């Protein structure tokens, strides 16, 4: 048996896998929810400032969609499900 260690193809525990954090949650515009409600949802769920929540809400309103969170797929699925539980139209997508 060789006493020298050989490089492993498995990343060390402290390394972040290449695909980690490459997903995002997108909220889409809809004709149902009031802008103030969407702003409140962002502020409440994501614990962001009113100013940031308003900016995201206006992006949804004006551009039809806004990325509201980024991270691991499982967390983005949870965020999208939370947005849907508030009655918003949300999807996840892999970042480019």
PDB file of N, CA and C in Angstrom:
ATOM      1  N   UNK A   1       0.840  -1.179   0.000  1.00  0.00           N
ATOM      2  CA  UNK A   1       0.000   0.000   0.000  1.00  0.00           C
ATOM      3  C   UNK A   1       0.880   1.236   0.000  1.00  0.00           C
ATOM      4  N   UNK A   2       0.518   2.224  -0.798  1.00  0.00           N
ATOM      5  CA  UNK A   2       1.281   3.450  -0.927  1.00  0.00           C
ATOM      6  C   UNK A   2       0.961   4.356   0.253  1.00  0.00           C
ATOM      7  N   UNK A   3       1.992   4.899   0.911  1.00  0.00           N
ATOM      8  CA  UNK A   3       1.771   5.753   2.070  1.00  0.00           C
ATOM      9  C   UNK A   3       1.473   7.201   1.689  1.00  0.00           C
ATOM     10  N   UNK A   4       1.678   7.546   0.423  1.00  0.00           N
ATOM     11  CA  UNK A   4       1.376   8.910  -0.008  1.00  0.00           C
ATOM     12  C   UNK A   4      -0.120   9.047  -0.244  1.00  0.00           C
ATOM     13  N   UNK A   5      -0.655  10.187   0.136  1.00  0.00           N
ATOM     14  CA  UNK A   5      -2.078  10.408  -0.121  1.00  0.00           C
ATOM     15  C   UNK A   5      -2.240  10.914  -1.544  1.00  0.00           C
ATOM     16  N   UNK A   6      -3.324  10.525  -2.158  1.00  0.00           N
ATOM     17  CA  UNK A   6      -3.601  10.967  -3.513  1.00  0.00           C
ATOM     18  C   UNK A   6      -4.714  11.999  -3.469  1.00  0.00           C
ATOM     19  N   UNK A   7      -4.685  12.948  -4.399  1.00  0.00           N
ATOM     20  CA  UNK A   7      -5.742  13.967  -4.408  1.00  0.00           C
ATOM     21  C   UNK A   7      -7.106  13.325  -4.614  1.00  0.00           C
ATOM     22  N   UNK A   8      -8.068  13.825  -3.917  1.00  0.00           N
ATOM     23  CA  UNK A   8      -9.421  13.303  -4.004  1.00  0.00           C
ATOM     24  C   UNK A   8     -10.255  14.207  -4.898  1.00  0.00           C
ATOM     25  N   UNK A   9     -11.178  13.623  -5.630  1.00  0.00           N
ATOM     26  CA  UNK A   9     -12.079  14.433  -6.460  1.00  0.00           C
ATOM     27  C   UNK A   9     -13.248  14.982  -5.650  1.00  0.00           C
ATOM     28  N   UNK A  10     -13.378  14.532  -4.406  1.00  0.00           N
ATOM     29  CA  UNK A  10     -14.427  15.020  -3.523  1.00  0.00           C
ATOM     30  C   UNK A  10     -13.973  16.331  -2.885  1.00  0.00           C
ATOM     31  N   UNK A  11     -14.809  17.379  -2.941  1.00  0.00           N
ATOM     32  CA  UNK A  11     -14.381  18.643  -2.345  1.00  0.00           C
ATOM     33  C   UNK A  11     -14.222  18.527  -0.839  1.00  0.00           C
ATOM     34  N   UNK A  12     -13.291  19.297  -0.322  1.00  0.00           N
ATOM     35  CA  UNK A  12     -13.096  19.335   1.131  1.00  0.00           C
ATOM     36  C   UNK A  12     -14.352  19.912   1.766  1.00  0.00           C
ATOM     37  N   UNK A  13     -14.644  19.588   3.009  1.00  0.00           N
ATOM     38  CA  UNK A  13     -15.874  20.063   3.663  1.00  0.00           C
ATOM     39  C   UNK A  13     -16.036  21.581   3.656  1.00  0.00           C
ATOM     40  N   UNK A  14     -14.938  22.326   3.616  1.00  0.00           N
ATOM     41  CA  UNK A  14     -15.044  23.785   3.655  1.00  0.00           C
ATOM     42  C   UNK A  14     -15.279  24.396   2.274  1.00  0.00           C
ATOM     43  N   UNK A  15     -15.126  23.615   1.224  1.00  0.00           N
ATOM     44  CA  UNK A  15     -15.353  24.133  -0.125  1.00  0.00           C
ATOM     45  C   UNK A  15     -16.843  24.150  -0.431  1.00  0.00           C
ATOM     46  N   UNK A  16     -17.255  25.145  -1.191  1.00  0.00           N
ATOM     47  CA  UNK A  16     -18.651  25.259  -1.585  1.00  0.00           C
ATOM     48  C   UNK A  16     -18.797  24.640  -2.976  1.00  0.00           C
ATOM     49  N   UNK A  17     -19.716  23.693  -3.148  1.00  0.00           N
ATOM     50  CA  UNK A  17     -19.914  23.104  -4.464  1.00  0.00           C
ATOM     51  C   UNK A  17     -20.247  24.175  -5.499  1.00  0.00           C
ATOM     52  N   UNK A  18     -19.858  23.938  -6.737  1.00  0.00           N
ATOM     53  CA  UNK A  18     -20.030  24.932  -7.800  1.00  0.00           C
ATOM     54  C   UNK A  18     -21.483  25.346  -7.990  1.00  0.00           C
ATOM     55  N   UNK A  19     -22.412  24.426  -7.800  1.00  0.00           N
ATOM     56  CA  UNK A  19     -23.818  24.736  -8.056  1.00  0.00           C
ATOM     57  C   UNK A  19     -24.527  25.376  -6.863  1.00  0.00           C
ATOM     58  N   UNK A  20     -23.871  25.483  -5.716  1.00  0.00           N
ATOM     59  CA  UNK A  20     -24.508  26.066  -4.536  1.00  0.00           C
ATOM     60  C   UNK A  20     -24.795  27.540  -4.790  1.00  0.00           C
ATOM     61  N   UNK A  21     -26.013  27.938  -4.511  1.00  0.00           N
ATOM     62  CA  UNK A  21     -26.352  29.348  -4.647  1.00  0.00           C
ATOM     63  C   UNK A  21     -26.642  29.803  -6.055  1.00  0.00           C
ATOM     64  N   UNK A  22     -26.860  28.867  -6.954  1.00  0.00           N
ATOM     65  CA  UNK A  22     -27.087  29.259  -8.338  1.00  0.00           C
ATOM     66  C   UNK A  22     -28.571  29.293  -8.703  1.00  0.00           C
ATOM     67  N   UNK A  23     -29.433  29.321  -7.707  1.00  0.00           N
ATOM     68  CA  UNK A  23     -30.875  29.366  -7.950  1.00  0.00           C
ATOM     69  C   UNK A  23     -31.431  30.690  -7.445  1.00  0.00           C
ATOM     70  N   UNK A  24     -32.573  31.074  -7.987  1.00  0.00           N
ATOM     71  CA  UNK A  24     -33.206  32.314  -7.539  1.00  0.00           C
ATOM     72  C   UNK A  24     -34.719  32.179  -7.546  1.00  0.00           C
ATOM     73  N   UNK A  25     -35.349  32.927  -6.661  1.00  0.00           N
ATOM     74  CA  UNK A  25     -36.803  32.986  -6.581  1.00  0.00           C
ATOM     75  C   UNK A  25     -37.248  34.252  -7.296  1.00  0.00           C
ATOM     76  N   UNK A  26     -38.228  34.097  -8.182  1.00  0.00           N
ATOM     77  CA  UNK A  26     -38.744  35.213  -8.972  1.00  0.00           C
ATOM     78  C   UNK A  26     -40.222  35.397  -8.642  1.00  0.00           C
ATOM     79  N   UNK A  27     -40.604  36.639  -8.351  1.00  0.00           N
ATOM     80  CA  UNK A  27     -42.015  36.975  -8.166  1.00  0.00           C
ATOM     81  C   UNK A  27     -42.467  37.689  -9.430  1.00  0.00           C
ATOM     82  N   UNK A  28     -43.625  37.262  -9.939  1.00  0.00           N
ATOM     83  CA  UNK A  28     -44.167  37.799 -11.193  1.00  0.00           C
ATOM     84  C   UNK A  28     -45.353  38.711 -10.907  1.00  0.00           C
ATOM     85  N   UNK A  29     -45.573  39.646 -11.813  1.00  0.00           N
ATOM     86  CA  UNK A  29     -46.698  40.561 -11.687  1.00  0.00           C
ATOM     87  C   UNK A  29     -48.009  39.793 -11.860  1.00  0.00           C
ATOM     88  N   UNK A  30     -49.029  40.236 -11.169  1.00  0.00           N
ATOM     89  CA  UNK A  30     -50.359  39.651 -11.331  1.00  0.00           C
ATOM     90  C   UNK A  30     -51.391  40.763 -11.204  1.00  0.00           C
ATOM     91  N   UNK A  31     -52.582  40.539 -11.733  1.00  0.00           N
ATOM     92  CA  UNK A  31     -53.612  41.580 -11.686  1.00  0.00           C
ATOM     93  C   UNK A  31     -54.427  41.583 -10.392  1.00  0.00           C
ATOM     94  N   UNK A  32     -54.055  40.760  -9.417  1.00  0.00           N
ATOM     95  CA  UNK A  32     -54.874  40.563  -8.229  1.00  0.00           C
ATOM     96  C   UNK A  32     -54.382  41.359  -7.017  1.00  0.00           C
ATOM     97  N   UNK A  33     -53.099  41.266  -6.708  1.00  0.00           N
ATOM     98  CA  UNK A  33     -52.580  41.812  -5.462  1.00  0.00           C
ATOM     99  C   UNK A  33     -52.252  43.295  -5.562  1.00  0.00           C
ATOM    100  N   UNK A  34     -52.587  44.015  -4.506  1.00  0.00           N
ATOM    101  CA  UNK A  34     -52.267  45.438  -4.430  1.00  0.00           C
ATOM    102  C   UNK A  34     -50.763  45.621  -4.243  1.00  0.00           C
ATOM    103  N   UNK A  35     -50.246  46.725  -4.765  1.00  0.00           N
ATOM    104  CA  UNK A  35     -48.817  46.997  -4.645  1.00  0.00           C
ATOM    105  C   UNK A  35     -48.393  47.104  -3.181  1.00  0.00           C
ATOM    106  N   UNK A  36     -49.223  47.708  -2.348  1.00  0.00           N
ATOM    107  CA  UNK A  36     -48.883  47.842  -0.931  1.00  0.00           C
ATOM    108  C   UNK A  36     -48.816  46.479  -0.246  1.00  0.00           C
ATOM    109  N   UNK A  37     -49.667  45.554  -0.673  1.00  0.00           N
ATOM    110  CA  UNK A  37     -49.646  44.211  -0.099  1.00  0.00           C
ATOM    111  C   UNK A  37     -48.357  43.488  -0.492  1.00  0.00           C
ATOM    112  N   UNK A  38     -47.986  43.569  -1.762  1.00  0.00           N
ATOM    113  CA  UNK A  38     -46.759  42.913  -2.233  1.00  0.00           C
ATOM    114  C   UNK A  38     -45.555  43.482  -1.481  1.00  0.00           C
ATOM    115  N   UNK A  39     -45.526  44.784  -1.310  1.00  0.00           N
ATOM    116  CA  UNK A  39     -44.454  45.435  -0.560  1.00  0.00           C
ATOM    117  C   UNK A  39     -44.408  44.895   0.877  1.00  0.00           C
ATOM    118  N   UNK A  40     -45.561  44.778   1.513  1.00  0.00           N
ATOM    119  CA  UNK A  40     -45.640  44.263   2.878  1.00  0.00           C
ATOM    120  C   UNK A  40     -45.146  42.814   2.965  1.00  0.00           C
ATOM    121  N   UNK A  41     -45.514  41.994   1.986  1.00  0.00           N
ATOM    122  CA  UNK A  41     -45.065  40.593   1.971  1.00  0.00           C
ATOM    123  C   UNK A  41     -43.544  40.539   1.909  1.00  0.00           C
ATOM    124  N   UNK A  42     -42.940  41.297   1.009  1.00  0.00           N
ATOM    125  CA  UNK A  42     -41.484  41.294   0.889  1.00  0.00           C
ATOM    126  C   UNK A  42     -40.823  41.750   2.184  1.00  0.00           C
ATOM    127  N   UNK A  43     -41.352  42.810   2.744  1.00  0.00           N
ATOM    128  CA  UNK A  43     -40.800  43.365   3.982  1.00  0.00           C
ATOM    129  C   UNK A  43     -40.931  42.360   5.129  1.00  0.00           C
ATOM    130  N   UNK A  44     -42.076  41.728   5.239  1.00  0.00           N
ATOM    131  CA  UNK A  44     -42.344  40.798   6.333  1.00  0.00           C
ATOM    132  C   UNK A  44     -41.575  39.487   6.193  1.00  0.00           C
ATOM    133  N   UNK A  45     -41.639  38.873   5.025  1.00  0.00           N
ATOM    134  CA  UNK A  45     -41.045  37.545   4.866  1.00  0.00           C
ATOM    135  C   UNK A  45     -39.517  37.607   4.791  1.00  0.00           C
ATOM    136  N   UNK A  46     -38.997  38.530   4.008  1.00  0.00           N
ATOM    137  CA  UNK A  46     -37.550  38.596   3.805  1.00  0.00           C
ATOM    138  C   UNK A  46     -36.846  39.477   4.837  1.00  0.00           C
ATOM    139  N   UNK A  47     -37.616  40.150   5.701  1.00  0.00           N
ATOM    140  CA  UNK A  47     -37.042  41.013   6.736  1.00  0.00           C
ATOM    141  C   UNK A  47     -36.105  42.058   6.125  1.00  0.00           C
ATOM    142  N   UNK A  48     -36.616  42.730   5.105  1.00  0.00           N
ATOM    143  CA  UNK A  48     -35.834  43.771   4.435  1.00  0.00           C
ATOM    144  C   UNK A  48     -36.464  45.124   4.741  1.00  0.00           C
ATOM    145  N   UNK A  49     -35.743  46.172   4.420  1.00  0.00           N
ATOM    146  CA  UNK A  49     -36.239  47.520   4.690  1.00  0.00           C
ATOM    147  C   UNK A  49     -37.437  47.834   3.798  1.00  0.00           C
ATOM    148  N   UNK A  50     -38.221  48.784   4.249  1.00  0.00           N
ATOM    149  CA  UNK A  50     -39.375  49.224   3.463  1.00  0.00           C
ATOM    150  C   UNK A  50     -38.909  49.749   2.096  1.00  0.00           C
ATOM    151  N   UNK A  51     -37.799  50.450   2.095  1.00  0.00           N
ATOM    152  CA  UNK A  51     -37.261  50.996   0.832  1.00  0.00           C
ATOM    153  C   UNK A  51     -36.914  49.884  -0.154  1.00  0.00           C
ATOM    154  N   UNK A  52     -36.212  48.852   0.325  1.00  0.00           N
ATOM    155  CA  UNK A  52     -35.843  47.711  -0.536  1.00  0.00           C
ATOM    156  C   UNK A  52     -37.098  46.959  -0.997  1.00  0.00           C
ATOM    157  N   UNK A  53     -38.047  46.769  -0.097  1.00  0.00           N
ATOM    158  CA  UNK A  53     -39.294  46.082  -0.447  1.00  0.00           C
ATOM    159  C   UNK A  53     -40.044  46.863  -1.523  1.00  0.00           C
ATOM    160  N   UNK A  54     -40.069  48.183  -1.382  1.00  0.00           N
ATOM    161  CA  UNK A  54     -40.749  49.020  -2.373  1.00  0.00           C
ATOM    162  C   UNK A  54     -40.055  48.937  -3.731  1.00  0.00           C
ATOM    163  N   UNK A  55     -38.725  48.941  -3.719  1.00  0.00           N
ATOM    164  CA  UNK A  55     -37.974  48.835  -4.971  1.00  0.00           C
ATOM    165  C   UNK A  55     -38.288  47.519  -5.697  1.00  0.00           C
ATOM    166  N   UNK A  56     -38.320  46.422  -4.936  1.00  0.00           N
ATOM    167  CA  UNK A  56     -38.640  45.121  -5.541  1.00  0.00           C
ATOM    168  C   UNK A  56     -40.076  45.088  -6.049  1.00  0.00           C
ATOM    169  N   UNK A  57     -41.000  45.633  -5.263  1.00  0.00           N
ATOM    170  CA  UNK A  57     -42.402  45.662  -5.684  1.00  0.00           C
ATOM    171  C   UNK A  57     -42.550  46.463  -6.977  1.00  0.00           C
ATOM    172  N   UNK A  58     -41.880  47.608  -7.067  1.00  0.00           N
ATOM    173  CA  UNK A  58     -41.963  48.423  -8.287  1.00  0.00           C
ATOM    174  C   UNK A  58     -41.335  47.712  -9.481  1.00  0.00           C
ATOM    175  N   UNK A  59     -40.295  46.945  -9.240  1.00  0.00           N
ATOM    176  CA  UNK A  59     -39.701  46.156 -10.318  1.00  0.00           C
ATOM    177  C   UNK A  59     -40.690  45.110 -10.815  1.00  0.00           C
ATOM    178  N   UNK A  60     -41.375  44.444  -9.895  1.00  0.00           N
ATOM    179  CA  UNK A  60     -42.412  43.483 -10.287  1.00  0.00           C
ATOM    180  C   UNK A  60     -43.490  44.194 -11.096  1.00  0.00           C
ATOM    181  N   UNK A  61     -43.946  45.332 -10.605  1.00  0.00           N
ATOM    182  CA  UNK A  61     -45.024  46.080 -11.257  1.00  0.00           C
ATOM    183  C   UNK A  61     -44.613  46.596 -12.629  1.00  0.00           C
ATOM    184  N   UNK A  62     -43.433  47.189 -12.735  1.00  0.00           N
ATOM    185  CA  UNK A  62     -43.000  47.829 -13.987  1.00  0.00           C
ATOM    186  C   UNK A  62     -42.376  46.886 -15.002  1.00  0.00           C
ATOM    187  N   UNK A  63     -41.640  45.894 -14.521  1.00  0.00           N
ATOM    188  CA  UNK A  63     -40.927  44.989 -15.431  1.00  0.00           C
ATOM    189  C   UNK A  63     -41.585  43.622 -15.550  1.00  0.00           C
ATOM    190  N   UNK A  64     -42.582  43.368 -14.704  1.00  0.00           N
ATOM    191  CA  UNK A  64     -43.292  42.100 -14.772  1.00  0.00           C
ATOM    192  C   UNK A  64     -42.720  41.005 -13.898  1.00  0.00           C
ATOM    193  N   UNK A  65     -41.550  41.230 -13.297  1.00  0.00           N
ATOM    194  CA  UNK A  65     -40.920  40.229 -12.449  1.00  0.00           C
ATOM    195  C   UNK A  65     -39.748  40.846 -11.707  1.00  0.00           C
ATOM    196  N   UNK A  66     -39.380  40.208 -10.600  1.00  0.00           N
ATOM    197  CA  UNK A  66     -38.203  40.623  -9.839  1.00  0.00           C
ATOM    198  C   UNK A  66     -37.626  39.412  -9.124  1.00  0.00           C
ATOM    199  N   UNK A  67     -36.310  39.337  -9.084  1.00  0.00           N
ATOM    200  CA  UNK A  67     -35.623  38.312  -8.307  1.00  0.00           C
ATOM    201  C   UNK A  67     -35.642  38.783  -6.859  1.00  0.00           C
ATOM    202  N   UNK A  68     -36.243  37.979  -5.986  1.00  0.00           N
ATOM    203  CA  UNK A  68     -36.385  38.379  -4.590  1.00  0.00           C
ATOM    204  C   UNK A  68     -35.444  37.635  -3.644  1.00  0.00           C
ATOM    205  N   UNK A  69     -34.863  36.528  -4.101  1.00  0.00           N
ATOM    206  CA  UNK A  69     -33.873  35.825  -3.284  1.00  0.00           C
ATOM    207  C   UNK A  69     -33.010  34.948  -4.172  1.00  0.00           C
ATOM    208  N   UNK A  70     -31.814  34.650  -3.661  1.00  0.00           N
ATOM    209  CA  UNK A  70     -30.860  33.788  -4.353  1.00  0.00           C
ATOM    210  C   UNK A  70     -30.251  32.833  -3.341  1.00  0.00           C
ATOM    211  N   UNK A  71     -29.963  31.620  -3.794  1.00  0.00           N
ATOM    212  CA  UNK A  71     -29.335  30.666  -2.897  1.00  0.00           C
ATOM    213  C   UNK A  71     -29.468  29.241  -3.379  1.00  0.00           C
ATOM    214  N   UNK A  72     -29.383  28.325  -2.445  1.00  0.00           N
ATOM    215  CA  UNK A  72     -29.502  26.901  -2.748  1.00  0.00           C
ATOM    216  C   UNK A  72     -30.924  26.586  -3.203  1.00  0.00           C
ATOM    217  N   UNK A  73     -31.049  25.603  -4.044  1.00  0.00           N
ATOM    218  CA  UNK A  73     -32.349  25.259  -4.618  1.00  0.00           C
ATOM    219  C   UNK A  73     -33.424  25.017  -3.555  1.00  0.00           C
ATOM    220  N   UNK A  74     -33.083  24.284  -2.511  1.00  0.00           N
ATOM    221  CA  UNK A  74     -34.064  23.953  -1.476  1.00  0.00           C
ATOM    222  C   UNK A  74     -34.617  25.222  -0.818  1.00  0.00           C
ATOM    223  N   UNK A  75     -33.750  26.181  -0.534  1.00  0.00           N
ATOM    224  CA  UNK A  75     -34.210  27.419   0.079  1.00  0.00           C
ATOM    225  C   UNK A  75     -35.056  28.231  -0.892  1.00  0.00           C
ATOM    226  N   UNK A  76     -34.693  28.232  -2.184  1.00  0.00           N
ATOM    227  CA  UNK A  76     -35.467  28.975  -3.178  1.00  0.00           C
ATOM    228  C   UNK A  76     -36.847  28.352  -3.357  1.00  0.00           C
ATOM    229  N   UNK A  77     -36.926  27.018  -3.270  1.00  0.00           N
ATOM    230  CA  UNK A  77     -38.227  26.357  -3.321  1.00  0.00           C
ATOM    231  C   UNK A  77     -39.077  26.764  -2.120  1.00  0.00           C
ATOM    232  N   UNK A  78     -38.443  26.849  -0.947  1.00  0.00           N
ATOM    233  CA  UNK A  78     -39.166  27.271   0.253  1.00  0.00           C
ATOM    234  C   UNK A  78     -39.634  28.723   0.123  1.00  0.00           C
ATOM    235  N   UNK A  79     -38.782  29.598  -0.417  1.00  0.00           N
ATOM    236  CA  UNK A  79     -39.163  30.997  -0.602  1.00  0.00           C
ATOM    237  C   UNK A  79     -40.315  31.128  -1.600  1.00  0.00           C
ATOM    238  N   UNK A  80     -40.244  30.390  -2.706  1.00  0.00           N
ATOM    239  CA  UNK A  80     -41.316  30.446  -3.702  1.00  0.00           C
ATOM    240  C   UNK A  80     -42.625  29.929  -3.107  1.00  0.00           C
ATOM    241  N   UNK A  81     -42.549  28.863  -2.343  1.00  0.00           N
ATOM    242  CA  UNK A  81     -43.754  28.320  -1.704  1.00  0.00           C
ATOM    243  C   UNK A  81     -44.327  29.326  -0.717  1.00  0.00           C
ATOM    244  N   UNK A  82     -43.464  30.011   0.022  1.00  0.00           N
ATOM    245  CA  UNK A  82     -43.931  31.034   0.963  1.00  0.00           C
ATOM    246  C   UNK A  82     -44.633  32.167   0.216  1.00  0.00           C
ATOM    247  N   UNK A  83     -44.039  32.618  -0.896  1.00  0.00           N
ATOM    248  CA  UNK A  83     -44.668  33.688  -1.681  1.00  0.00           C
ATOM    249  C   UNK A  83     -46.036  33.246  -2.183  1.00  0.00           C
ATOM    250  N   UNK A  84     -46.136  31.993  -2.618  1.00  0.00           N
ATOM    251  CA  UNK A  84     -47.415  31.464  -3.093  1.00  0.00           C
ATOM    252  C   UNK A  84     -48.428  31.373  -1.957  1.00  0.00           C
ATOM    253  N   UNK A  85     -47.948  31.076  -0.739  1.00  0.00           N
ATOM    254  CA  UNK A  85     -48.868  31.006   0.393  1.00  0.00           C
ATOM    255  C   UNK A  85     -49.451  32.389   0.714  1.00  0.00           C
ATOM    256  N   UNK A  86     -48.743  33.441   0.336  1.00  0.00           N
ATOM    257  CA  UNK A  86     -49.248  34.810   0.489  1.00  0.00           C
ATOM    258  C   UNK A  86     -50.122  35.224  -0.699  1.00  0.00           C
ATOM    259  N   UNK A  87     -50.241  34.344  -1.687  1.00  0.00           N
ATOM    260  CA  UNK A  87     -51.071  34.640  -2.849  1.00  0.00           C
ATOM    261  C   UNK A  87     -50.331  35.283  -4.003  1.00  0.00           C
ATOM    262  N   UNK A  88     -48.992  35.318  -3.935  1.00  0.00           N
ATOM    263  CA  UNK A  88     -48.203  35.886  -5.028  1.00  0.00           C
ATOM    264  C   UNK A  88     -47.824  34.787  -6.007  1.00  0.00           C
ATOM    265  N   UNK A  89     -47.553  35.184  -7.248  1.00  0.00           N
ATOM    266  CA  UNK A  89     -47.128  34.240  -8.269  1.00  0.00           C
ATOM    267  C   UNK A  89     -45.607  34.208  -8.242  1.00  0.00           C
ATOM    268  N   UNK A  90     -45.019  33.082  -7.829  1.00  0.00           N
ATOM    269  CA  UNK A  90     -43.563  32.961  -7.700  1.00  0.00           C
ATOM    270  C   UNK A  90     -43.085  31.656  -8.302  1.00  0.00           C
ATOM    271  N   UNK A  91     -41.901  31.721  -8.892  1.00  0.00           N
ATOM    272  CA  UNK A  91     -41.267  30.545  -9.473  1.00  0.00           C
ATOM    273  C   UNK A  91     -39.801  30.552  -9.067  1.00  0.00           C
ATOM    274  N   UNK A  92     -39.122  29.433  -9.328  1.00  0.00           N
ATOM    275  CA  UNK A  92     -37.676  29.406  -9.147  1.00  0.00           C
ATOM    276  C   UNK A  92     -37.037  29.162 -10.501  1.00  0.00           C
ATOM    277  N   UNK A  93     -35.792  29.602 -10.640  1.00  0.00           N
ATOM    278  CA  UNK A  93     -35.067  29.364 -11.872  1.00  0.00           C
ATOM    279  C   UNK A  93     -33.588  29.266 -11.555  1.00  0.00           C
ATOM    280  N   UNK A  94     -32.884  28.560 -12.410  1.00  0.00           N
ATOM    281  CA  UNK A  94     -31.451  28.437 -12.229  1.00  0.00           C
ATOM    282  C   UNK A  94     -30.803  29.706 -12.776  1.00  0.00           C
ATOM    283  N   UNK A  95     -29.891  30.267 -12.004  1.00  0.00           N
ATOM    284  CA  UNK A  95     -29.193  31.480 -12.436  1.00  0.00           C
ATOM    285  C   UNK A  95     -28.278  31.145 -13.602  1.00  0.00           C
ATOM    286  N   UNK A  96     -28.073  32.107 -14.422  1.00  0.00           N
ATOM    287  CA  UNK A  96     -27.229  31.914 -15.618  1.00  0.00           C
ATOM    288  C   UNK A  96     -25.770  32.011 -15.294  1.00  0.00           C
TER     289      UNK A  96
END
